[in-house]
Protein backbone atom coordinates (compact mmCIF):
# COMPACT_ATOMS: atom_id res chain seq x y z
CA MET A 1 2.85 17.15 -2.66
CA THR A 2 5.95 17.10 -4.44
CA PHE A 3 6.00 16.04 -8.38
CA ARG A 4 7.74 12.91 -7.07
CA GLU A 5 5.29 11.86 -4.33
CA LYS A 6 2.43 12.48 -7.40
CA GLU A 7 4.50 9.96 -9.35
CA ILE A 8 4.71 7.55 -6.73
CA LEU A 9 1.35 7.68 -5.63
CA GLN A 10 0.00 7.20 -9.24
CA ILE A 11 1.93 3.92 -9.52
CA LEU A 12 0.64 2.63 -6.31
CA LYS A 13 -2.91 3.55 -7.35
CA SER A 14 -2.05 1.23 -10.41
CA ASN A 15 -0.55 -1.45 -8.91
CA PRO A 16 -0.93 -1.31 -4.46
CA MET A 17 1.02 -4.42 -4.38
CA ILE A 18 4.37 -3.02 -6.17
CA SER A 19 7.57 -3.34 -4.33
CA GLN A 20 9.73 -0.33 -2.96
CA GLN A 21 12.15 -1.40 -4.97
CA GLU A 22 10.31 -1.75 -8.45
CA ILE A 23 9.22 1.77 -7.94
CA ALA A 24 12.73 2.65 -7.60
CA ASP A 25 13.57 0.88 -10.70
CA MET A 26 11.11 2.64 -12.40
CA LEU A 27 11.99 6.11 -11.49
CA ASN A 28 15.64 5.38 -11.78
CA ILE A 29 15.96 6.52 -7.53
CA SER A 30 17.04 4.38 -4.86
CA ARG A 31 14.78 2.28 -2.86
CA THR A 32 15.43 4.33 0.61
CA SER A 33 14.23 7.35 -1.36
CA VAL A 34 10.92 5.68 -2.47
CA ALA A 35 10.66 4.48 1.45
CA VAL A 36 10.92 8.33 2.68
CA HIS A 37 8.27 9.29 -0.28
CA ILE A 38 5.95 6.83 0.82
CA THR A 39 6.54 7.45 4.79
CA ASN A 40 5.65 11.55 3.77
CA LEU A 41 2.59 10.31 1.85
CA MET A 42 1.27 8.50 4.76
CA LYS A 43 2.37 11.28 7.20
CA LYS A 44 0.03 14.06 4.44
CA GLY A 45 -2.95 11.34 5.12
CA GLU A 46 -2.55 10.63 1.18
CA LEU A 47 -1.76 6.86 2.33
CA LEU A 48 -3.47 4.88 4.91
CA GLY A 49 -1.16 2.11 5.81
CA LYS A 50 0.77 -0.79 3.90
CA GLY A 51 -0.74 -3.81 2.48
CA TYR A 52 0.20 -7.17 3.23
CA ILE A 53 -0.97 -10.61 1.61
CA LEU A 54 -2.51 -13.03 4.65
CA LYS A 55 -3.64 -16.64 4.16
CA LYS A 56 -6.98 -17.39 5.92
CA GLU A 57 -6.61 -20.05 8.33
CA ASN A 58 -7.65 -23.72 7.26
CA SER A 59 -7.72 -22.30 3.58
CA ASP A 60 -5.51 -21.56 0.23
CA GLU A 61 -7.70 -18.62 -0.01
CA LYS A 62 -6.16 -15.51 0.01
CA PHE A 63 -6.92 -11.43 0.84
CA ASN A 64 -5.23 -8.49 0.93
CA LEU A 65 -5.46 -6.77 4.44
CA GLY A 66 -4.19 -3.30 4.86
CA GLY A 67 -5.13 -0.04 5.98
CA TYR A 68 -7.23 0.84 9.24
CA SER A 69 -10.70 2.59 9.03
CA GLU A 70 -11.95 3.81 12.83
CA GLY A 71 -9.38 1.75 14.32
CA LYS A 72 -10.09 -1.73 12.71
CA PRO A 73 -8.48 -3.43 9.76
CA ARG A 74 -10.20 -2.91 6.17
CA CYS A 75 -9.57 -5.46 3.15
CA ASN A 76 -8.35 -3.62 0.13
CA CYS A 77 -9.75 -6.18 -1.97
CA CYS A 78 -13.20 -5.57 -1.19
CA SER A 79 -13.31 -2.65 1.08
CA LEU A 80 -15.06 -4.87 3.95
CA GLN A 81 -14.32 -4.05 7.42
CA ASN A 82 -12.28 -6.90 9.16
CA GLY A 83 -11.74 -8.07 5.69
CA PRO A 84 -13.78 -10.89 3.64
CA ASN A 85 -15.56 -13.57 5.53
């Protein structure tokens, strides 16, 4: 893993929902460079996927669903398979 990939991974660990542009601004690099580093981290197995905020149907409650475990969605906020109930 490169030094830059380690930097980005550390940033993502402290703030998983940070945007690529925010990372780019922090590191004074382009957003496309961040995207390449993130892709490389995914290829190396350091990142399992990207997170998205979804709204539960018929509810104002939101949860972060991202990544996959054995082909099933995994909730990042509570590590439950298939997200929270």
